[in-house]
Amino acid sequence: MHPALIISSFCELKSKEVVNLCNGCLLGCISDIEFNVCTGEIISIILPGNGILASLSSKNRICIPWRDIERIGKDAVLVRFNAPEKKE
């Protein structure tokens, strides 16, 4: 874990907006985290997808691996994330 990525609580983390450094897009706010129950390490952060009912469905959610997080700042989380291509 990067020393700059220390957070005190999930509530603090989920109040931050996520910005993709690859394209400058605002991806949204963190809605959940995925962690390894054996080690307690965070595996990924999860953002809801787009749309009105996005928070109710896991279909379009964005899962960003912890290794793709560059910085966690006071107001935002900066990530380098190349989203997989959507299949039509």
PDB file of N, CA and C in Angstrom:
ATOM      1  N   MET A   1       0.841  -1.179   0.000  1.00  0.00           N
ATOM      2  CA  MET A   1       0.000   0.000   0.000  1.00  0.00           C
ATOM      3  C   MET A   1       0.884   1.239   0.000  1.00  0.00           C
ATOM      4  N   HIS A   2       0.529   2.209  -0.830  1.00  0.00           N
ATOM      5  CA  HIS A   2       1.260   3.465  -0.879  1.00  0.00           C
ATOM      6  C   HIS A   2       1.053   4.230   0.420  1.00  0.00           C
ATOM      7  N   PRO A   3       2.109   4.812   0.999  1.00  0.00           N
ATOM      8  CA  PRO A   3       1.926   5.579   2.228  1.00  0.00           C
ATOM      9  C   PRO A   3       0.984   6.764   2.034  1.00  0.00           C
ATOM     10  N   ALA A   4       0.923   7.326   0.829  1.00  0.00           N
ATOM     11  CA  ALA A   4       0.049   8.475   0.579  1.00  0.00           C
ATOM     12  C   ALA A   4      -1.416   8.064   0.485  1.00  0.00           C
ATOM     13  N   LEU A   5      -1.691   6.774   0.483  1.00  0.00           N
ATOM     14  CA  LEU A   5      -3.064   6.300   0.301  1.00  0.00           C
ATOM     15  C   LEU A   5      -3.702   5.832   1.596  1.00  0.00           C
ATOM     16  N   ILE A   6      -3.233   6.326   2.728  1.00  0.00           N
ATOM     17  CA  ILE A   6      -3.802   5.924   4.004  1.00  0.00           C
ATOM     18  C   ILE A   6      -5.081   6.719   4.251  1.00  0.00           C
ATOM     19  N   ILE A   7      -6.147   6.007   4.580  1.00  0.00           N
ATOM     20  CA  ILE A   7      -7.422   6.651   4.863  1.00  0.00           C
ATOM     21  C   ILE A   7      -7.873   6.234   6.251  1.00  0.00           C
ATOM     22  N   SER A   8      -8.716   7.040   6.860  1.00  0.00           N
ATOM     23  CA  SER A   8      -9.128   6.715   8.214  1.00  0.00           C
ATOM     24  C   SER A   8     -10.425   5.911   8.269  1.00  0.00           C
ATOM     25  N   SER A   9     -11.317   6.085   7.281  1.00  0.00           N
ATOM     26  CA  SER A   9     -12.580   5.347   7.308  1.00  0.00           C
ATOM     27  C   SER A   9     -13.195   5.269   5.924  1.00  0.00           C
ATOM     28  N   PHE A  10     -14.103   4.316   5.760  1.00  0.00           N
ATOM     29  CA  PHE A  10     -14.819   4.189   4.499  1.00  0.00           C
ATOM     30  C   PHE A  10     -15.707   5.405   4.263  1.00  0.00           C
ATOM     31  N   CYS A  11     -16.298   5.936   5.321  1.00  0.00           N
ATOM     32  CA  CYS A  11     -17.146   7.134   5.181  1.00  0.00           C
ATOM     33  C   CYS A  11     -16.354   8.292   4.594  1.00  0.00           C
ATOM     34  N   GLU A  12     -15.104   8.436   5.022  1.00  0.00           N
ATOM     35  CA  GLU A  12     -14.244   9.493   4.482  1.00  0.00           C
ATOM     36  C   GLU A  12     -13.951   9.232   2.999  1.00  0.00           C
ATOM     37  N   LEU A  13     -13.686   7.990   2.647  1.00  0.00           N
ATOM     38  CA  LEU A  13     -13.356   7.630   1.268  1.00  0.00           C
ATOM     39  C   LEU A  13     -14.553   7.815   0.341  1.00  0.00           C
ATOM     40  N   LYS A  14     -15.736   7.405   0.766  1.00  0.00           N
ATOM     41  CA  LYS A  14     -16.891   7.446  -0.144  1.00  0.00           C
ATOM     42  C   LYS A  14     -17.420   8.857  -0.391  1.00  0.00           C
ATOM     43  N   SER A  15     -16.943   9.833   0.365  1.00  0.00           N
ATOM     44  CA  SER A  15     -17.376  11.208   0.123  1.00  0.00           C
ATOM     45  C   SER A  15     -16.528  11.903  -0.945  1.00  0.00           C
ATOM     46  N   LYS A  16     -15.518  11.215  -1.468  1.00  0.00           N
ATOM     47  CA  LYS A  16     -14.607  11.816  -2.445  1.00  0.00           C
ATOM     48  C   LYS A  16     -15.010  11.459  -3.876  1.00  0.00           C
ATOM     49  N   GLU A  17     -14.816  12.426  -4.792  1.00  0.00           N
ATOM     50  CA  GLU A  17     -15.062  12.176  -6.206  1.00  0.00           C
ATOM     51  C   GLU A  17     -13.836  11.496  -6.803  1.00  0.00           C
ATOM     52  N   VAL A  18     -14.061  10.674  -7.825  1.00  0.00           N
ATOM     53  CA  VAL A  18     -12.977   9.947  -8.483  1.00  0.00           C
ATOM     54  C   VAL A  18     -12.743  10.565  -9.857  1.00  0.00           C
ATOM     55  N   VAL A  19     -11.488  10.942 -10.128  1.00  0.00           N
ATOM     56  CA  VAL A  19     -11.109  11.553 -11.400  1.00  0.00           C
ATOM     57  C   VAL A  19     -10.103  10.638 -12.087  1.00  0.00           C
ATOM     58  N   ASN A  20     -10.369  10.360 -13.370  1.00  0.00           N
ATOM     59  CA  ASN A  20      -9.478   9.517 -14.161  1.00  0.00           C
ATOM     60  C   ASN A  20      -8.394  10.388 -14.802  1.00  0.00           C
ATOM     61  N   LEU A  21      -7.137  10.147 -14.455  1.00  0.00           N
ATOM     62  CA  LEU A  21      -6.031  10.926 -14.998  1.00  0.00           C
ATOM     63  C   LEU A  21      -5.752  10.600 -16.465  1.00  0.00           C
ATOM     64  N   CYS A  22      -6.253   9.476 -16.965  1.00  0.00           N
ATOM     65  CA  CYS A  22      -6.020   9.101 -18.363  1.00  0.00           C
ATOM     66  C   CYS A  22      -6.768  10.015 -19.333  1.00  0.00           C
ATOM     67  N   ASN A  23      -7.985  10.452 -18.922  1.00  0.00           N
ATOM     68  CA  ASN A  23      -8.779  11.279 -19.832  1.00  0.00           C
ATOM     69  C   ASN A  23      -9.401  12.504 -19.161  1.00  0.00           C
ATOM     70  N   GLY A  24      -9.140  12.702 -17.889  1.00  0.00           N
ATOM     71  CA  GLY A  24      -9.660  13.858 -17.174  1.00  0.00           C
ATOM     72  C   GLY A  24     -11.118  13.767 -16.784  1.00  0.00           C
ATOM     73  N   CYS A  25     -11.753  12.630 -16.997  1.00  0.00           N
ATOM     74  CA  CYS A  25     -13.184  12.474 -16.711  1.00  0.00           C
ATOM     75  C   CYS A  25     -13.449  12.302 -15.222  1.00  0.00           C
ATOM     76  N   LEU A  26     -14.532  12.894 -14.786  1.00  0.00           N
ATOM     77  CA  LEU A  26     -15.042  12.671 -13.443  1.00  0.00           C
ATOM     78  C   LEU A  26     -15.883  11.399 -13.505  1.00  0.00           C
ATOM     79  N   LEU A  27     -15.498  10.389 -12.751  1.00  0.00           N
ATOM     80  CA  LEU A  27     -16.170   9.094 -12.812  1.00  0.00           C
ATOM     81  C   LEU A  27     -17.325   8.979 -11.826  1.00  0.00           C
ATOM     82  N   GLY A  28     -17.331   9.802 -10.795  1.00  0.00           N
ATOM     83  CA  GLY A  28     -18.385   9.743  -9.784  1.00  0.00           C
ATOM     84  C   GLY A  28     -17.786   9.539  -8.408  1.00  0.00           C
ATOM     85  N   CYS A  29     -18.638   9.236  -7.457  1.00  0.00           N
ATOM     86  CA  CYS A  29     -18.198   9.009  -6.077  1.00  0.00           C
ATOM     87  C   CYS A  29     -18.185   7.513  -5.775  1.00  0.00           C
ATOM     88  N   ILE A  30     -17.343   7.131  -4.867  1.00  0.00           N
ATOM     89  CA  ILE A  30     -17.203   5.727  -4.481  1.00  0.00           C
ATOM     90  C   ILE A  30     -18.465   5.281  -3.750  1.00  0.00           C
ATOM     91  N   SER A  31     -19.002   4.134  -4.158  1.00  0.00           N
ATOM     92  CA  SER A  31     -20.201   3.617  -3.512  1.00  0.00           C
ATOM     93  C   SER A  31     -19.909   2.397  -2.646  1.00  0.00           C
ATOM     94  N   ASP A  32     -18.790   1.724  -2.921  1.00  0.00           N
ATOM     95  CA  ASP A  32     -18.475   0.499  -2.178  1.00  0.00           C
ATOM     96  C   ASP A  32     -17.004   0.181  -2.353  1.00  0.00           C
ATOM     97  N   ILE A  33     -16.516  -0.761  -1.579  1.00  0.00           N
ATOM     98  CA  ILE A  33     -15.157  -1.272  -1.743  1.00  0.00           C
ATOM     99  C   ILE A  33     -15.209  -2.795  -1.743  1.00  0.00           C
ATOM    100  N   GLU A  34     -14.222  -3.387  -2.361  1.00  0.00           N
ATOM    101  CA  GLU A  34     -14.066  -4.837  -2.355  1.00  0.00           C
ATOM    102  C   GLU A  34     -12.773  -5.116  -1.611  1.00  0.00           C
ATOM    103  N   PHE A  35     -12.809  -6.046  -0.670  1.00  0.00           N
ATOM    104  CA  PHE A  35     -11.601  -6.329   0.089  1.00  0.00           C
ATOM    105  C   PHE A  35     -11.411  -7.822   0.294  1.00  0.00           C
ATOM    106  N   ASN A  36     -10.178  -8.184   0.564  1.00  0.00           N
ATOM    107  CA  ASN A  36      -9.808  -9.564   0.816  1.00  0.00           C
ATOM    108  C   ASN A  36     -10.112  -9.861   2.281  1.00  0.00           C
ATOM    109  N   VAL A  37     -11.013 -10.788   2.557  1.00  0.00           N
ATOM    110  CA  VAL A  37     -11.412 -11.071   3.934  1.00  0.00           C
ATOM    111  C   VAL A  37     -10.300 -11.724   4.747  1.00  0.00           C
ATOM    112  N   CYS A  38      -9.368 -12.383   4.083  1.00  0.00           N
ATOM    113  CA  CYS A  38      -8.261 -13.028   4.804  1.00  0.00           C
ATOM    114  C   CYS A  38      -7.200 -12.030   5.247  1.00  0.00           C
ATOM    115  N   THR A  39      -6.886 -11.073   4.384  1.00  0.00           N
ATOM    116  CA  THR A  39      -5.809 -10.132   4.686  1.00  0.00           C
ATOM    117  C   THR A  39      -6.314  -8.766   5.141  1.00  0.00           C
ATOM    118  N   GLY A  40      -7.578  -8.456   4.828  1.00  0.00           N
ATOM    119  CA  GLY A  40      -8.135  -7.151   5.155  1.00  0.00           C
ATOM    120  C   GLY A  40      -7.729  -6.059   4.185  1.00  0.00           C
ATOM    121  N   GLU A  41      -7.018  -6.402   3.113  1.00  0.00           N
ATOM    122  CA  GLU A  41      -6.574  -5.410   2.132  1.00  0.00           C
ATOM    123  C   GLU A  41      -7.696  -5.055   1.165  1.00  0.00           C
ATOM    124  N   ILE A  42      -7.725  -3.787   0.777  1.00  0.00           N
ATOM    125  CA  ILE A  42      -8.699  -3.339  -0.215  1.00  0.00           C
ATOM    126  C   ILE A  42      -8.229  -3.817  -1.586  1.00  0.00           C
ATOM    127  N   ILE A  43      -9.128  -4.443  -2.338  1.00  0.00           N
ATOM    128  CA  ILE A  43      -8.818  -4.947  -3.679  1.00  0.00           C
ATOM    129  C   ILE A  43      -9.207  -3.917  -4.731  1.00  0.00           C
ATOM    130  N   SER A  44     -10.388  -3.303  -4.556  1.00  0.00           N
ATOM    131  CA  SER A  44     -10.851  -2.329  -5.541  1.00  0.00           C
ATOM    132  C   SER A  44     -11.876  -1.387  -4.924  1.00  0.00           C
ATOM    133  N   ILE A  45     -12.046  -0.251  -5.614  1.00  0.00           N
ATOM    134  CA  ILE A  45     -13.123   0.669  -5.253  1.00  0.00           C
ATOM    135  C   ILE A  45     -14.205   0.511  -6.316  1.00  0.00           C
ATOM    136  N   ILE A  46     -15.444   0.701  -5.913  1.00  0.00           N
ATOM    137  CA  ILE A  46     -16.566   0.480  -6.821  1.00  0.00           C
ATOM    138  C   ILE A  46     -17.378   1.756  -6.919  1.00  0.00           C
ATOM    139  N   LEU A  47     -17.677   2.133  -8.160  1.00  0.00           N
ATOM    140  CA  LEU A  47     -18.491   3.305  -8.443  1.00  0.00           C
ATOM    141  C   LEU A  47     -19.752   2.848  -9.155  1.00  0.00           C
ATOM    142  N   PRO A  48     -20.889   3.508  -8.887  1.00  0.00           N
ATOM    143  CA  PRO A  48     -22.095   3.124  -9.613  1.00  0.00           C
ATOM    144  C   PRO A  48     -21.946   3.509 -11.080  1.00  0.00           C
ATOM    145  N   GLY A  49     -22.645   2.825 -11.935  1.00  0.00           N
ATOM    146  CA  GLY A  49     -22.627   3.157 -13.358  1.00  0.00           C
ATOM    147  C   GLY A  49     -23.448   4.397 -13.633  1.00  0.00           C
ATOM    148  N   ASN A  50     -23.708   4.646 -14.896  1.00  0.00           N
ATOM    149  CA  ASN A  50     -24.506   5.810 -15.293  1.00  0.00           C
ATOM    150  C   ASN A  50     -25.985   5.479 -15.281  1.00  0.00           C
ATOM    151  N   GLY A  51     -26.803   6.491 -15.152  1.00  0.00           N
ATOM    152  CA  GLY A  51     -28.252   6.315 -15.223  1.00  0.00           C
ATOM    153  C   GLY A  51     -28.933   6.550 -13.893  1.00  0.00           C
ATOM    154  N   ILE A  52     -30.234   6.704 -13.964  1.00  0.00           N
ATOM    155  CA  ILE A  52     -31.036   7.029 -12.784  1.00  0.00           C
ATOM    156  C   ILE A  52     -31.014   5.903 -11.752  1.00  0.00           C
ATOM    157  N   LEU A  53     -31.103   4.674 -12.198  1.00  0.00           N
ATOM    158  CA  LEU A  53     -31.147   3.533 -11.279  1.00  0.00           C
ATOM    159  C   LEU A  53     -29.807   2.833 -11.146  1.00  0.00           C
ATOM    160  N   ALA A  54     -28.728   3.514 -11.456  1.00  0.00           N
ATOM    161  CA  ALA A  54     -27.400   2.897 -11.460  1.00  0.00           C
ATOM    162  C   ALA A  54     -27.009   2.333 -10.106  1.00  0.00           C
ATOM    163  N   SER A  55     -27.380   3.003  -9.032  1.00  0.00           N
ATOM    164  CA  SER A  55     -26.990   2.533  -7.707  1.00  0.00           C
ATOM    165  C   SER A  55     -27.717   1.251  -7.305  1.00  0.00           C
ATOM    166  N   LEU A  56     -28.787   0.906  -8.005  1.00  0.00           N
ATOM    167  CA  LEU A  56     -29.541  -0.300  -7.690  1.00  0.00           C
ATOM    168  C   LEU A  56     -29.082  -1.519  -8.482  1.00  0.00           C
ATOM    169  N   SER A  57     -28.230  -1.312  -9.460  1.00  0.00           N
ATOM    170  CA  SER A  57     -27.794  -2.407 -10.330  1.00  0.00           C
ATOM    171  C   SER A  57     -26.277  -2.524 -10.337  1.00  0.00           C
ATOM    172  N   SER A  58     -25.795  -3.750 -10.367  1.00  0.00           N
ATOM    173  CA  SER A  58     -24.352  -3.959 -10.457  1.00  0.00           C
ATOM    174  C   SER A  58     -23.915  -4.128 -11.911  1.00  0.00           C
ATOM    175  N   LYS A  59     -24.869  -4.077 -12.829  1.00  0.00           N
ATOM    176  CA  LYS A  59     -24.588  -4.321 -14.243  1.00  0.00           C
ATOM    177  C   LYS A  59     -23.578  -3.330 -14.828  1.00  0.00           C
ATOM    178  N   ASN A  60     -23.761  -2.048 -14.589  1.00  0.00           N
ATOM    179  CA  ASN A  60     -22.911  -1.027 -15.194  1.00  0.00           C
ATOM    180  C   ASN A  60     -21.902  -0.422 -14.235  1.00  0.00           C
ATOM    181  N   ARG A  61     -21.714  -1.055 -13.085  1.00  0.00           N
ATOM    182  CA  ARG A  61     -20.805  -0.465 -12.106  1.00  0.00           C
ATOM    183  C   ARG A  61     -19.369  -0.451 -12.619  1.00  0.00           C
ATOM    184  N   ILE A  62     -18.595   0.469 -12.077  1.00  0.00           N
ATOM    185  CA  ILE A  62     -17.186   0.607 -12.449  1.00  0.00           C
ATOM    186  C   ILE A  62     -16.355   0.092 -11.285  1.00  0.00           C
ATOM    187  N   CYS A  63     -15.514  -0.892 -11.555  1.00  0.00           N
ATOM    188  CA  CYS A  63     -14.659  -1.500 -10.541  1.00  0.00           C
ATOM    189  C   CYS A  63     -13.213  -1.091 -10.852  1.00  0.00           C
ATOM    190  N   ILE A  64     -12.605  -0.306  -9.984  1.00  0.00           N
ATOM    191  CA  ILE A  64     -11.252   0.184 -10.216  1.00  0.00           C
ATOM    192  C   ILE A  64     -10.299  -0.503  -9.244  1.00  0.00           C
ATOM    193  N   PRO A  65      -9.335  -1.257  -9.765  1.00  0.00           N
ATOM    194  CA  PRO A  65      -8.374  -1.941  -8.884  1.00  0.00           C
ATOM    195  C   PRO A  65      -7.604  -0.946  -8.017  1.00  0.00           C
ATOM    196  N   TRP A  66      -7.321  -1.334  -6.789  1.00  0.00           N
ATOM    197  CA  TRP A  66      -6.598  -0.485  -5.847  1.00  0.00           C
ATOM    198  C   TRP A  66      -5.252  -0.038  -6.423  1.00  0.00           C
ATOM    199  N   ARG A  67      -4.613  -0.902  -7.205  1.00  0.00           N
ATOM    200  CA  ARG A  67      -3.302  -0.564  -7.782  1.00  0.00           C
ATOM    201  C   ARG A  67      -3.384   0.598  -8.778  1.00  0.00           C
ATOM    202  N   ASP A  68      -4.583   0.898  -9.284  1.00  0.00           N
ATOM    203  CA  ASP A  68      -4.760   1.994 -10.237  1.00  0.00           C
ATOM    204  C   ASP A  68      -4.966   3.349  -9.565  1.00  0.00           C
ATOM    205  N   ILE A  69      -5.034   3.358  -8.234  1.00  0.00           N
ATOM    206  CA  ILE A  69      -5.187   4.624  -7.515  1.00  0.00           C
ATOM    207  C   ILE A  69      -3.818   5.286  -7.411  1.00  0.00           C
ATOM    208  N   GLU A  70      -3.752   6.538  -7.884  1.00  0.00           N
ATOM    209  CA  GLU A  70      -2.510   7.311  -7.822  1.00  0.00           C
ATOM    210  C   GLU A  70      -2.403   8.096  -6.519  1.00  0.00           C
ATOM    211  N   ARG A  71      -3.477   8.783  -6.152  1.00  0.00           N
ATOM    212  CA  ARG A  71      -3.485   9.622  -4.957  1.00  0.00           C
ATOM    213  C   ARG A  71      -4.890   9.718  -4.380  1.00  0.00           C
ATOM    214  N   ILE A  72      -4.945   9.803  -3.071  1.00  0.00           N
ATOM    215  CA  ILE A  72      -6.184  10.122  -2.387  1.00  0.00           C
ATOM    216  C   ILE A  72      -5.946  11.470  -1.729  1.00  0.00           C
ATOM    217  N   GLY A  73      -6.648  12.477  -2.233  1.00  0.00           N
ATOM    218  CA  GLY A  73      -6.489  13.824  -1.710  1.00  0.00           C
ATOM    219  C   GLY A  73      -7.613  14.200  -0.779  1.00  0.00           C
ATOM    220  N   LYS A  74      -7.601  15.454  -0.358  1.00  0.00           N
ATOM    221  CA  LYS A  74      -8.623  15.955   0.560  1.00  0.00           C
ATOM    222  C   LYS A  74     -10.016  15.901  -0.061  1.00  0.00           C
ATOM    223  N   ASP A  75     -10.101  16.209  -1.369  1.00  0.00           N
ATOM    224  CA  ASP A  75     -11.407  16.284  -2.029  1.00  0.00           C
ATOM    225  C   ASP A  75     -11.660  15.225  -3.088  1.00  0.00           C
ATOM    226  N   ALA A  76     -10.596  14.577  -3.580  1.00  0.00           N
ATOM    227  CA  ALA A  76     -10.769  13.662  -4.714  1.00  0.00           C
ATOM    228  C   ALA A  76      -9.799  12.496  -4.654  1.00  0.00           C
ATOM    229  N   VAL A  77     -10.158  11.457  -5.402  1.00  0.00           N
ATOM    230  CA  VAL A  77      -9.294  10.291  -5.598  1.00  0.00           C
ATOM    231  C   VAL A  77      -8.866  10.318  -7.058  1.00  0.00           C
ATOM    232  N   LEU A  78      -7.561  10.306  -7.301  1.00  0.00           N
ATOM    233  CA  LEU A  78      -7.030  10.327  -8.665  1.00  0.00           C
ATOM    234  C   LEU A  78      -6.631   8.912  -9.050  1.00  0.00           C
ATOM    235  N   VAL A  79      -7.143   8.460 -10.202  1.00  0.00           N
ATOM    236  CA  VAL A  79      -6.860   7.101 -10.669  1.00  0.00           C
ATOM    237  C   VAL A  79      -6.332   7.134 -12.096  1.00  0.00           C
ATOM    238  N   ARG A  80      -5.579   6.125 -12.458  1.00  0.00           N
ATOM    239  CA  ARG A  80      -5.185   5.887 -13.852  1.00  0.00           C
ATOM    240  C   ARG A  80      -5.889   4.598 -14.244  1.00  0.00           C
ATOM    241  N   PHE A  81      -7.008   4.777 -14.945  1.00  0.00           N
ATOM    242  CA  PHE A  81      -7.888   3.644 -15.217  1.00  0.00           C
ATOM    243  C   PHE A  81      -8.287   3.627 -16.677  1.00  0.00           C
ATOM    244  N   ASN A  82      -7.957   2.546 -17.353  1.00  0.00           N
ATOM    245  CA  ASN A  82      -8.401   2.346 -18.739  1.00  0.00           C
ATOM    246  C   ASN A  82      -9.592   1.409 -18.686  1.00  0.00           C
ATOM    247  N   ALA A  83     -10.773   1.980 -18.865  1.00  0.00           N
ATOM    248  CA  ALA A  83     -12.003   1.206 -18.804  1.00  0.00           C
ATOM    249  C   ALA A  83     -12.043   0.215 -19.949  1.00  0.00           C
ATOM    250  N   PRO A  84     -12.519  -1.009 -19.686  1.00  0.00           N
ATOM    251  CA  PRO A  84     -12.676  -1.979 -20.764  1.00  0.00           C
ATOM    252  C   PRO A  84     -13.673  -1.479 -21.803  1.00  0.00           C
ATOM    253  N   GLU A  85     -13.437  -1.839 -23.043  1.00  0.00           N
ATOM    254  CA  GLU A  85     -14.357  -1.445 -24.119  1.00  0.00           C
ATOM    255  C   GLU A  85     -15.715  -2.091 -23.906  1.00  0.00           C
ATOM    256  N   LYS A  86     -16.774  -1.314 -24.125  1.00  0.00           N
ATOM    257  CA  LYS A  86     -18.136  -1.842 -23.994  1.00  0.00           C
ATOM    258  C   LYS A  86     -18.492  -2.596 -25.257  1.00  0.00           C
ATOM    259  N   LYS A  87     -19.062  -3.781 -25.084  1.00  0.00           N
ATOM    260  CA  LYS A  87     -19.501  -4.587 -26.231  1.00  0.00           C
ATOM    261  C   LYS A  87     -20.936  -4.205 -26.566  1.00  0.00           C
ATOM    262  N   GLU A  88     -21.159  -3.895 -27.811  1.00  0.00           N
ATOM    263  CA  GLU A  88     -22.505  -3.495 -28.268  1.00  0.00           C
ATOM    264  C   GLU A  88     -23.332  -4.709 -28.565  1.00  0.00           C
TER     265      GLU A  88
END
